[in-house]
mmCIF file of all heavy atoms, coordinates in Angstrom:
data_MODEL
# 
_entry.id   MODEL 
# 
loop_
_atom_site.group_PDB 
_atom_site.id 
_atom_site.type_symbol 
_atom_site.label_atom_id 
_atom_site.label_alt_id 
_atom_site.label_comp_id 
_atom_site.label_asym_id 
_atom_site.label_entity_id 
_atom_site.label_seq_id 
_atom_site.pdbx_PDB_ins_code 
_atom_site.Cartn_x 
_atom_site.Cartn_y 
_atom_site.Cartn_z 
_atom_site.occupancy 
_atom_site.B_iso_or_equiv 
_atom_site.pdbx_formal_charge 
_atom_site.auth_seq_id 
_atom_site.auth_comp_id 
_atom_site.auth_asym_id 
_atom_site.auth_atom_id 
_atom_site.pdbx_PDB_model_num 
ATOM 1   N N   . GLN A 1 1  ? -5.026 21.214 -6.369  1.00 0.00 ? 1  GLN A N   1 
ATOM 2   C CA  . GLN A 1 1  ? -3.752 21.884 -6.597  1.00 0.00 ? 1  GLN A CA  1 
ATOM 3   C C   . GLN A 1 1  ? -2.663 21.198 -5.779  1.00 0.00 ? 1  GLN A C   1 
ATOM 4   O O   . GLN A 1 1  ? -2.876 20.834 -4.619  1.00 0.00 ? 1  GLN A O   1 
ATOM 5   C CB  . GLN A 1 1  ? -3.858 23.357 -6.204  1.00 0.00 ? 1  GLN A CB  1 
ATOM 6   C CG  . GLN A 1 1  ? -4.613 24.200 -7.230  1.00 0.00 ? 1  GLN A CG  1 
ATOM 7   C CD  . GLN A 1 1  ? -4.389 25.682 -7.027  1.00 0.00 ? 1  GLN A CD  1 
ATOM 8   O OE1 . GLN A 1 1  ? -5.010 26.279 -6.149  1.00 0.00 ? 1  GLN A OE1 1 
ATOM 9   N NE2 . GLN A 1 1  ? -3.518 26.274 -7.834  1.00 0.00 ? 1  GLN A NE2 1 
ATOM 10  N N   . CYS A 1 2  ? -1.496 21.052 -6.392  1.00 0.00 ? 2  CYS A N   1 
ATOM 11  C CA  . CYS A 1 2  ? -0.404 20.306 -5.779  1.00 0.00 ? 2  CYS A CA  1 
ATOM 12  C C   . CYS A 1 2  ? 0.770  21.249 -5.523  1.00 0.00 ? 2  CYS A C   1 
ATOM 13  O O   . CYS A 1 2  ? 1.174  22.004 -6.418  1.00 0.00 ? 2  CYS A O   1 
ATOM 14  C CB  . CYS A 1 2  ? 0.022  19.181 -6.716  1.00 0.00 ? 2  CYS A CB  1 
ATOM 15  S SG  . CYS A 1 2  ? 1.209  18.030 -6.019  1.00 0.00 ? 2  CYS A SG  1 
ATOM 16  N N   . PRO A 1 3  ? 1.331  21.235 -4.304  1.00 0.00 ? 3  PRO A N   1 
ATOM 17  C CA  . PRO A 1 3  ? 2.462  22.125 -4.000  1.00 0.00 ? 3  PRO A CA  1 
ATOM 18  C C   . PRO A 1 3  ? 3.737  21.669 -4.692  1.00 0.00 ? 3  PRO A C   1 
ATOM 19  O O   . PRO A 1 3  ? 3.811  20.569 -5.246  1.00 0.00 ? 3  PRO A O   1 
ATOM 20  C CB  . PRO A 1 3  ? 2.597  22.022 -2.483  1.00 0.00 ? 3  PRO A CB  1 
ATOM 21  C CG  . PRO A 1 3  ? 2.062  20.672 -2.161  1.00 0.00 ? 3  PRO A CG  1 
ATOM 22  C CD  . PRO A 1 3  ? 0.954  20.426 -3.144  1.00 0.00 ? 3  PRO A CD  1 
ATOM 23  N N   . GLY A 1 4  ? 4.752  22.515 -4.626  1.00 0.00 ? 4  GLY A N   1 
ATOM 24  C CA  . GLY A 1 4  ? 6.058  22.165 -5.170  1.00 0.00 ? 4  GLY A CA  1 
ATOM 25  C C   . GLY A 1 4  ? 6.771  21.154 -4.305  1.00 0.00 ? 4  GLY A C   1 
ATOM 26  O O   . GLY A 1 4  ? 6.285  20.735 -3.246  1.00 0.00 ? 4  GLY A O   1 
ATOM 27  N N   . ASP A 1 5  ? 7.973  20.747 -4.743  1.00 0.00 ? 5  ASP A N   1 
ATOM 28  C CA  . ASP A 1 5  ? 8.676  19.653 -4.096  1.00 0.00 ? 5  ASP A CA  1 
ATOM 29  C C   . ASP A 1 5  ? 9.636  20.087 -2.998  1.00 0.00 ? 5  ASP A C   1 
ATOM 30  O O   . ASP A 1 5  ? 10.338 19.252 -2.427  1.00 0.00 ? 5  ASP A O   1 
ATOM 31  C CB  . ASP A 1 5  ? 9.468  18.853 -5.146  1.00 0.00 ? 5  ASP A CB  1 
ATOM 32  C CG  . ASP A 1 5  ? 8.541  18.048 -6.054  1.00 0.00 ? 5  ASP A CG  1 
ATOM 33  O OD1 . ASP A 1 5  ? 7.382  17.840 -5.672  1.00 0.00 ? 5  ASP A OD1 1 
ATOM 34  O OD2 . ASP A 1 5  ? 8.998  17.646 -7.139  1.00 0.00 ? 5  ASP A OD2 1 
ATOM 35  N N   . GLY A 1 6  ? 9.696  21.367 -2.665  1.00 0.00 ? 6  GLY A N   1 
ATOM 36  C CA  . GLY A 1 6  ? 10.600 21.806 -1.607  1.00 0.00 ? 6  GLY A CA  1 
ATOM 37  C C   . GLY A 1 6  ? 10.012 21.601 -0.227  1.00 0.00 ? 6  GLY A C   1 
ATOM 38  O O   . GLY A 1 6  ? 8.794  21.657 -0.029  1.00 0.00 ? 6  GLY A O   1 
ATOM 39  N N   . GLY A 1 7  ? 10.871 21.337 0.776   1.00 0.00 ? 7  GLY A N   1 
ATOM 40  C CA  . GLY A 1 7  ? 10.417 21.207 2.162   1.00 0.00 ? 7  GLY A CA  1 
ATOM 41  C C   . GLY A 1 7  ? 9.393  20.106 2.317   1.00 0.00 ? 7  GLY A C   1 
ATOM 42  O O   . GLY A 1 7  ? 9.441  19.059 1.654   1.00 0.00 ? 7  GLY A O   1 
ATOM 43  N N   . ILE A 1 8  ? 8.426  20.334 3.191   1.00 0.00 ? 8  ILE A N   1 
ATOM 44  C CA  . ILE A 1 8  ? 7.377  19.335 3.424   1.00 0.00 ? 8  ILE A CA  1 
ATOM 45  C C   . ILE A 1 8  ? 6.405  19.270 2.259   1.00 0.00 ? 8  ILE A C   1 
ATOM 46  O O   . ILE A 1 8  ? 5.569  18.366 2.170   1.00 0.00 ? 8  ILE A O   1 
ATOM 47  C CB  . ILE A 1 8  ? 6.643  19.617 4.761   1.00 0.00 ? 8  ILE A CB  1 
ATOM 48  C CG1 . ILE A 1 8  ? 5.924  18.345 5.259   1.00 0.00 ? 8  ILE A CG1 1 
ATOM 49  C CG2 . ILE A 1 8  ? 5.690  20.794 4.613   1.00 0.00 ? 8  ILE A CG2 1 
ATOM 50  C CD1 . ILE A 1 8  ? 5.354  18.468 6.649   1.00 0.00 ? 8  ILE A CD1 1 
ATOM 51  N N   . GLY A 1 9  ? 6.543  20.224 1.313   1.00 0.00 ? 9  GLY A N   1 
ATOM 52  C CA  . GLY A 1 9  ? 5.743  20.166 0.095   1.00 0.00 ? 9  GLY A CA  1 
ATOM 53  C C   . GLY A 1 9  ? 5.959  18.868 -0.667  1.00 0.00 ? 9  GLY A C   1 
ATOM 54  O O   . GLY A 1 9  ? 5.047  18.357 -1.329  1.00 0.00 ? 9  GLY A O   1 
ATOM 55  N N   . LEU A 1 10 ? 7.177  18.287 -0.581  1.00 0.00 ? 10 LEU A N   1 
ATOM 56  C CA  . LEU A 1 10 ? 7.447  17.004 -1.236  1.00 0.00 ? 10 LEU A CA  1 
ATOM 57  C C   . LEU A 1 10 ? 6.553  15.913 -0.662  1.00 0.00 ? 10 LEU A C   1 
ATOM 58  O O   . LEU A 1 10 ? 6.053  15.056 -1.402  1.00 0.00 ? 10 LEU A O   1 
ATOM 59  C CB  . LEU A 1 10 ? 8.921  16.633 -1.052  1.00 0.00 ? 10 LEU A CB  1 
ATOM 60  C CG  . LEU A 1 10 ? 9.368  15.292 -1.646  1.00 0.00 ? 10 LEU A CG  1 
ATOM 61  C CD1 . LEU A 1 10 ? 9.175  15.272 -3.155  1.00 0.00 ? 10 LEU A CD1 1 
ATOM 62  C CD2 . LEU A 1 10 ? 10.826 15.007 -1.280  1.00 0.00 ? 10 LEU A CD2 1 
ATOM 63  N N   . ALA A 1 11 ? 6.324  15.941 0.656   1.00 0.00 ? 11 ALA A N   1 
ATOM 64  C CA  . ALA A 1 11 ? 5.452  14.946 1.294   1.00 0.00 ? 11 ALA A CA  1 
ATOM 65  C C   . ALA A 1 11 ? 3.997  15.153 0.885   1.00 0.00 ? 11 ALA A C   1 
ATOM 66  O O   . ALA A 1 11 ? 3.276  14.184 0.613   1.00 0.00 ? 11 ALA A O   1 
ATOM 67  C CB  . ALA A 1 11 ? 5.592  15.021 2.809   1.00 0.00 ? 11 ALA A CB  1 
ATOM 68  N N   . VAL A 1 12 ? 3.548  16.412 0.841   1.00 0.00 ? 12 VAL A N   1 
ATOM 69  C CA  . VAL A 1 12 ? 2.169  16.693 0.445   1.00 0.00 ? 12 VAL A CA  1 
ATOM 70  C C   . VAL A 1 12 ? 1.951  16.273 -1.007  1.00 0.00 ? 12 VAL A C   1 
ATOM 71  O O   . VAL A 1 12 ? 0.940  15.635 -1.342  1.00 0.00 ? 12 VAL A O   1 
ATOM 72  C CB  . VAL A 1 12 ? 1.843  18.192 0.632   1.00 0.00 ? 12 VAL A CB  1 
ATOM 73  C CG1 . VAL A 1 12 ? 0.408  18.489 0.197   1.00 0.00 ? 12 VAL A CG1 1 
ATOM 74  C CG2 . VAL A 1 12 ? 2.035  18.604 2.085   1.00 0.00 ? 12 VAL A CG2 1 
ATOM 75  N N   . ALA A 1 13 ? 2.912  16.611 -1.876  1.00 0.00 ? 13 ALA A N   1 
ATOM 76  C CA  . ALA A 1 13 ? 2.798  16.230 -3.281  1.00 0.00 ? 13 ALA A CA  1 
ATOM 77  C C   . ALA A 1 13 ? 2.788  14.711 -3.441  1.00 0.00 ? 13 ALA A C   1 
ATOM 78  O O   . ALA A 1 13 ? 2.020  14.151 -4.228  1.00 0.00 ? 13 ALA A O   1 
ATOM 79  C CB  . ALA A 1 13 ? 3.950  16.843 -4.077  1.00 0.00 ? 13 ALA A CB  1 
ATOM 80  N N   . ASN A 1 14 ? 3.628  14.016 -2.677  1.00 0.00 ? 14 ASN A N   1 
ATOM 81  C CA  . ASN A 1 14 ? 3.672  12.553 -2.726  1.00 0.00 ? 14 ASN A CA  1 
ATOM 82  C C   . ASN A 1 14 ? 2.323  11.954 -2.365  1.00 0.00 ? 14 ASN A C   1 
ATOM 83  O O   . ASN A 1 14 ? 1.830  11.032 -3.029  1.00 0.00 ? 14 ASN A O   1 
ATOM 84  C CB  . ASN A 1 14 ? 4.768  12.056 -1.784  1.00 0.00 ? 14 ASN A CB  1 
ATOM 85  C CG  . ASN A 1 14 ? 4.756  10.553 -1.583  1.00 0.00 ? 14 ASN A CG  1 
ATOM 86  O OD1 . ASN A 1 14 ? 4.177  10.065 -0.613  1.00 0.00 ? 14 ASN A OD1 1 
ATOM 87  N ND2 . ASN A 1 14 ? 5.391  9.816  -2.487  1.00 0.00 ? 14 ASN A ND2 1 
ATOM 88  N N   . ARG A 1 15 ? 1.678  12.466 -1.306  1.00 0.00 ? 15 ARG A N   1 
ATOM 89  C CA  . ARG A 1 15 ? 0.382  11.923 -0.882  1.00 0.00 ? 15 ARG A CA  1 
ATOM 90  C C   . ARG A 1 15 ? -0.700 12.229 -1.919  1.00 0.00 ? 15 ARG A C   1 
ATOM 91  O O   . ARG A 1 15 ? -1.531 11.375 -2.230  1.00 0.00 ? 15 ARG A O   1 
ATOM 92  C CB  . ARG A 1 15 ? -0.028 12.495 0.475   1.00 0.00 ? 15 ARG A CB  1 
ATOM 93  C CG  . ARG A 1 15 ? 0.947  12.288 1.622   1.00 0.00 ? 15 ARG A CG  1 
ATOM 94  C CD  . ARG A 1 15 ? 1.565  10.902 1.699   1.00 0.00 ? 15 ARG A CD  1 
ATOM 95  N NE  . ARG A 1 15 ? 2.273  10.695 2.940   1.00 0.00 ? 15 ARG A NE  1 
ATOM 96  C CZ  . ARG A 1 15 ? 3.566  10.958 3.136   1.00 0.00 ? 15 ARG A CZ  1 
ATOM 97  N NH1 . ARG A 1 15 ? 4.312  11.433 2.150   1.00 0.00 ? 15 ARG A NH1 1 
ATOM 98  N NH2 . ARG A 1 15 ? 4.129  10.722 4.303   1.00 0.00 ? 15 ARG A NH2 1 
ATOM 99  N N   . LEU A 1 16 ? -0.679 13.433 -2.456  1.00 0.00 ? 16 LEU A N   1 
ATOM 100 C CA  . LEU A 1 16 ? -1.679 13.783 -3.470  1.00 0.00 ? 16 LEU A CA  1 
ATOM 101 C C   . LEU A 1 16 ? -1.484 12.941 -4.732  1.00 0.00 ? 16 LEU A C   1 
ATOM 102 O O   . LEU A 1 16 ? -2.452 12.478 -5.335  1.00 0.00 ? 16 LEU A O   1 
ATOM 103 C CB  . LEU A 1 16 ? -1.574 15.266 -3.821  1.00 0.00 ? 16 LEU A CB  1 
ATOM 104 C CG  . LEU A 1 16 ? -2.579 16.207 -3.172  1.00 0.00 ? 16 LEU A CG  1 
ATOM 105 C CD1 . LEU A 1 16 ? -2.339 17.639 -3.612  1.00 0.00 ? 16 LEU A CD1 1 
ATOM 106 C CD2 . LEU A 1 16 ? -4.012 15.784 -3.487  1.00 0.00 ? 16 LEU A CD2 1 
ATOM 107 N N   . ASN A 1 17 ? -0.239 12.759 -5.134  1.00 0.00 ? 17 ASN A N   1 
ATOM 108 C CA  . ASN A 1 17 ? 0.033  11.963 -6.327  1.00 0.00 ? 17 ASN A CA  1 
ATOM 109 C C   . ASN A 1 17 ? -0.442 10.528 -6.148  1.00 0.00 ? 17 ASN A C   1 
ATOM 110 O O   . ASN A 1 17 ? -0.986 9.915  -7.074  1.00 0.00 ? 17 ASN A O   1 
ATOM 111 C CB  . ASN A 1 17 ? 1.528  11.982 -6.643  1.00 0.00 ? 17 ASN A CB  1 
ATOM 112 C CG  . ASN A 1 17 ? 2.012  13.358 -7.070  1.00 0.00 ? 17 ASN A CG  1 
ATOM 113 O OD1 . ASN A 1 17 ? 1.212  14.216 -7.427  1.00 0.00 ? 17 ASN A OD1 1 
ATOM 114 N ND2 . ASN A 1 17 ? 3.307  13.572 -7.010  1.00 0.00 ? 17 ASN A ND2 1 
ATOM 115 N N   . LYS A 1 18 ? -0.239 9.957  -4.946  1.00 0.00 ? 18 LYS A N   1 
ATOM 116 C CA  . LYS A 1 18 ? -0.712 8.603  -4.690  1.00 0.00 ? 18 LYS A CA  1 
ATOM 117 C C   . LYS A 1 18 ? -2.242 8.547  -4.639  1.00 0.00 ? 18 LYS A C   1 
ATOM 118 O O   . LYS A 1 18 ? -2.852 7.586  -5.105  1.00 0.00 ? 18 LYS A O   1 
ATOM 119 C CB  . LYS A 1 18 ? -0.096 8.069  -3.398  1.00 0.00 ? 18 LYS A CB  1 
ATOM 120 C CG  . LYS A 1 18 ? 1.367  7.656  -3.552  1.00 0.00 ? 18 LYS A CG  1 
ATOM 121 C CD  . LYS A 1 18 ? 1.909  7.048  -2.284  1.00 0.00 ? 18 LYS A CD  1 
ATOM 122 C CE  . LYS A 1 18 ? 3.313  6.493  -2.509  1.00 0.00 ? 18 LYS A CE  1 
ATOM 123 N NZ  . LYS A 1 18 ? 3.306  5.289  -3.362  1.00 0.00 ? 18 LYS A NZ  1 
ATOM 124 N N   . ALA A 1 19 ? -2.851 9.581  -4.047  1.00 0.00 ? 19 ALA A N   1 
ATOM 125 C CA  . ALA A 1 19 ? -4.312 9.641  -4.026  1.00 0.00 ? 19 ALA A CA  1 
ATOM 126 C C   . ALA A 1 19 ? -4.870 9.698  -5.447  1.00 0.00 ? 19 ALA A C   1 
ATOM 127 O O   . ALA A 1 19 ? -5.950 9.170  -5.729  1.00 0.00 ? 19 ALA A O   1 
ATOM 128 C CB  . ALA A 1 19 ? -4.778 10.862 -3.232  1.00 0.00 ? 19 ALA A CB  1 
ATOM 129 N N   . ALA A 1 20 ? -4.111 10.333 -6.346  1.00 0.00 ? 20 ALA A N   1 
ATOM 130 C CA  . ALA A 1 20 ? -4.536 10.467 -7.737  1.00 0.00 ? 20 ALA A CA  1 
ATOM 131 C C   . ALA A 1 20 ? -4.108 9.284  -8.600  1.00 0.00 ? 20 ALA A C   1 
ATOM 132 O O   . ALA A 1 20 ? -4.360 9.285  -9.809  1.00 0.00 ? 20 ALA A O   1 
ATOM 133 C CB  . ALA A 1 20 ? -3.957 11.756 -8.319  1.00 0.00 ? 20 ALA A CB  1 
ATOM 134 N N   . GLY A 1 21 ? -3.461 8.277  -7.983  1.00 0.00 ? 21 GLY A N   1 
ATOM 135 C CA  . GLY A 1 21 ? -2.935 7.182  -8.780  1.00 0.00 ? 21 GLY A CA  1 
ATOM 136 C C   . GLY A 1 21 ? -1.915 7.671  -9.786  1.00 0.00 ? 21 GLY A C   1 
ATOM 137 O O   . GLY A 1 21 ? -1.788 7.134  -10.898 1.00 0.00 ? 21 GLY A O   1 
ATOM 138 N N   . PHE A 1 22 ? -1.182 8.732  -9.407  1.00 0.00 ? 22 PHE A N   1 
ATOM 139 C CA  . PHE A 1 22 ? -0.173 9.385  -10.251 1.00 0.00 ? 22 PHE A CA  1 
ATOM 140 C C   . PHE A 1 22 ? -0.760 9.949  -11.530 1.00 0.00 ? 22 PHE A C   1 
ATOM 141 O O   . PHE A 1 22 ? -0.079 10.057 -12.549 1.00 0.00 ? 22 PHE A O   1 
ATOM 142 C CB  . PHE A 1 22 ? 1.010  8.445  -10.516 1.00 0.00 ? 22 PHE A CB  1 
ATOM 143 C CG  . PHE A 1 22 ? 1.884  8.256  -9.313  1.00 0.00 ? 22 PHE A CG  1 
ATOM 144 C CD1 . PHE A 1 22 ? 1.607  7.259  -8.393  1.00 0.00 ? 22 PHE A CD1 1 
ATOM 145 C CD2 . PHE A 1 22 ? 2.931  9.113  -9.064  1.00 0.00 ? 22 PHE A CD2 1 
ATOM 146 C CE1 . PHE A 1 22 ? 2.393  7.097  -7.249  1.00 0.00 ? 22 PHE A CE1 1 
ATOM 147 C CE2 . PHE A 1 22 ? 3.717  8.957  -7.922  1.00 0.00 ? 22 PHE A CE2 1 
ATOM 148 C CZ  . PHE A 1 22 ? 3.447  7.961  -7.012  1.00 0.00 ? 22 PHE A CZ  1 
ATOM 149 N N   . HIS A 1 23 ? -2.044 10.331 -11.486 1.00 0.00 ? 23 HIS A N   1 
ATOM 150 C CA  . HIS A 1 23 ? -2.666 11.105 -12.578 1.00 0.00 ? 23 HIS A CA  1 
ATOM 151 C C   . HIS A 1 23 ? -2.349 12.580 -12.297 1.00 0.00 ? 23 HIS A C   1 
ATOM 152 O O   . HIS A 1 23 ? -3.087 13.258 -11.592 1.00 0.00 ? 23 HIS A O   1 
ATOM 153 C CB  . HIS A 1 23 ? -4.175 10.862 -12.621 1.00 0.00 ? 23 HIS A CB  1 
ATOM 154 C CG  . HIS A 1 23 ? -4.845 11.546 -13.772 1.00 0.00 ? 23 HIS A CG  1 
ATOM 155 N ND1 . HIS A 1 23 ? -6.218 11.587 -13.917 1.00 0.00 ? 23 HIS A ND1 1 
ATOM 156 C CD2 . HIS A 1 23 ? -4.348 12.247 -14.833 1.00 0.00 ? 23 HIS A CD2 1 
ATOM 157 C CE1 . HIS A 1 23 ? -6.519 12.263 -15.000 1.00 0.00 ? 23 HIS A CE1 1 
ATOM 158 N NE2 . HIS A 1 23 ? -5.401 12.670 -15.567 1.00 0.00 ? 23 HIS A NE2 1 
ATOM 159 N N   . ILE A 1 24 ? -1.220 13.039 -12.842 1.00 0.00 ? 24 ILE A N   1 
ATOM 160 C CA  . ILE A 1 24 ? -0.687 14.371 -12.527 1.00 0.00 ? 24 ILE A CA  1 
ATOM 161 C C   . ILE A 1 24 ? -0.624 15.193 -13.808 1.00 0.00 ? 24 ILE A C   1 
ATOM 162 O O   . ILE A 1 24 ? -0.152 14.716 -14.850 1.00 0.00 ? 24 ILE A O   1 
ATOM 163 C CB  . ILE A 1 24 ? 0.727  14.271 -11.922 1.00 0.00 ? 24 ILE A CB  1 
ATOM 164 C CG1 . ILE A 1 24 ? 0.734  13.302 -10.746 1.00 0.00 ? 24 ILE A CG1 1 
ATOM 165 C CG2 . ILE A 1 24 ? 1.236  15.642 -11.515 1.00 0.00 ? 24 ILE A CG2 1 
ATOM 166 C CD1 . ILE A 1 24 ? 2.118  12.775 -10.393 1.00 0.00 ? 24 ILE A CD1 1 
ATOM 167 N N   . ILE A 1 25 ? -1.078 16.433 -13.719 1.00 0.00 ? 25 ILE A N   1 
ATOM 168 C CA  . ILE A 1 25 ? -0.987 17.360 -14.840 1.00 0.00 ? 25 ILE A CA  1 
ATOM 169 C C   . ILE A 1 25 ? -0.013 18.455 -14.489 1.00 0.00 ? 25 ILE A C   1 
ATOM 170 O O   . ILE A 1 25 ? -0.176 19.134 -13.471 1.00 0.00 ? 25 ILE A O   1 
ATOM 171 C CB  . ILE A 1 25 ? -2.373 17.952 -15.189 1.00 0.00 ? 25 ILE A CB  1 
ATOM 172 C CG1 . ILE A 1 25 ? -3.301 16.825 -15.696 1.00 0.00 ? 25 ILE A CG1 1 
ATOM 173 C CG2 . ILE A 1 25 ? -2.249 19.050 -16.233 1.00 0.00 ? 25 ILE A CG2 1 
ATOM 174 C CD1 . ILE A 1 25 ? -4.725 17.244 -15.883 1.00 0.00 ? 25 ILE A CD1 1 
ATOM 175 N N   . GLU A 1 26 ? 1.018  18.641 -15.305 1.00 0.00 ? 26 GLU A N   1 
ATOM 176 C CA  . GLU A 1 26 ? 2.006  19.702 -15.095 1.00 0.00 ? 26 GLU A CA  1 
ATOM 177 C C   . GLU A 1 26 ? 1.575  20.920 -15.898 1.00 0.00 ? 26 GLU A C   1 
ATOM 178 O O   . GLU A 1 26 ? 1.210  20.816 -17.071 1.00 0.00 ? 26 GLU A O   1 
ATOM 179 C CB  . GLU A 1 26 ? 3.390  19.240 -15.563 1.00 0.00 ? 26 GLU A CB  1 
ATOM 180 C CG  . GLU A 1 26 ? 3.922  18.017 -14.855 1.00 0.00 ? 26 GLU A CG  1 
ATOM 181 C CD  . GLU A 1 26 ? 4.566  18.339 -13.519 1.00 0.00 ? 26 GLU A CD  1 
ATOM 182 O OE1 . GLU A 1 26 ? 4.651  19.542 -13.185 1.00 0.00 ? 26 GLU A OE1 1 
ATOM 183 O OE2 . GLU A 1 26 ? 4.994  17.382 -12.828 1.00 0.00 ? 26 GLU A OE2 1 
# 
């Protein structure tokens, strides 16, 4: 599960997206 883009959530989402090779499901 990926957090939203507000606050430090943007950093967590960025790291998860890179870990996933930007394989992201909205």
